[in-house]
Amino acid sequence: MAKSLSMSFLTDEGKKASITVNNVKEDLTDAEVKAAMGVTKQLQKLS
């Protein structure tokens, strides 16, 4: 069965944002999720 990961966080403007990643690997760690959220926030600042 395919799994998905939903990440929710606040933007710099205080708004809620979320991203869902489909077909994540079975042994995903908390550290990998936090790293992905960090990259997402950095990309948001560039746009």
Protein backbone atom coordinates (compact mmCIF):
# COMPACT_ATOMS: atom_id res chain seq x y z
CA MET A 1 0.00 0.00 0.00
CA ALA A 2 1.39 3.43 -0.97
CA LYS A 3 1.91 5.91 1.83
CA SER A 4 1.87 9.70 1.78
CA LEU A 5 3.40 12.34 4.00
CA SER A 6 1.54 15.56 4.81
CA MET A 7 3.63 18.42 6.19
CA SER A 8 1.97 21.49 7.72
CA PHE A 9 3.70 24.65 8.85
CA LEU A 10 3.31 28.42 9.20
CA THR A 11 4.67 30.79 6.56
CA ASP A 12 6.69 33.89 7.44
CA GLU A 13 3.42 35.81 7.12
CA GLY A 14 1.78 33.57 9.72
CA LYS A 15 -0.43 31.72 7.23
CA LYS A 16 -0.90 27.96 7.30
CA ALA A 17 0.63 25.98 4.44
CA SER A 18 0.76 22.27 3.73
CA ILE A 19 2.42 19.95 1.27
CA THR A 20 1.63 16.30 0.61
CA VAL A 21 4.23 13.93 -0.81
CA ASN A 22 2.94 10.67 -2.25
CA ASN A 23 4.69 7.30 -2.28
CA VAL A 24 7.15 8.02 0.53
CA LYS A 25 9.60 5.33 1.53
CA GLU A 26 8.61 2.98 4.34
CA ASP A 27 11.51 3.83 6.69
CA LEU A 28 11.27 7.63 6.57
CA THR A 29 12.77 9.17 9.73
CA ASP A 30 11.80 12.27 11.70
CA ALA A 31 15.13 13.83 10.74
CA GLU A 32 14.36 13.35 7.02
CA VAL A 33 10.92 14.94 7.43
CA LYS A 34 12.40 17.92 9.28
CA ALA A 35 15.06 18.32 6.58
CA ALA A 36 12.37 18.30 3.88
CA MET A 37 10.39 20.95 5.74
CA GLY A 38 13.53 23.08 6.02
CA VAL A 39 14.11 22.90 2.27
CA THR A 40 10.47 23.77 1.65
CA LYS A 41 10.71 26.89 3.83
CA GLN A 42 13.90 27.96 2.04
CA LEU A 43 12.24 27.57 -1.36
CA GLN A 44 9.28 29.61 -0.16
CA LYS A 45 11.59 32.51 0.74
CA LEU A 46 13.02 32.48 -2.81
CA SER A 47 9.64 32.90 -4.46
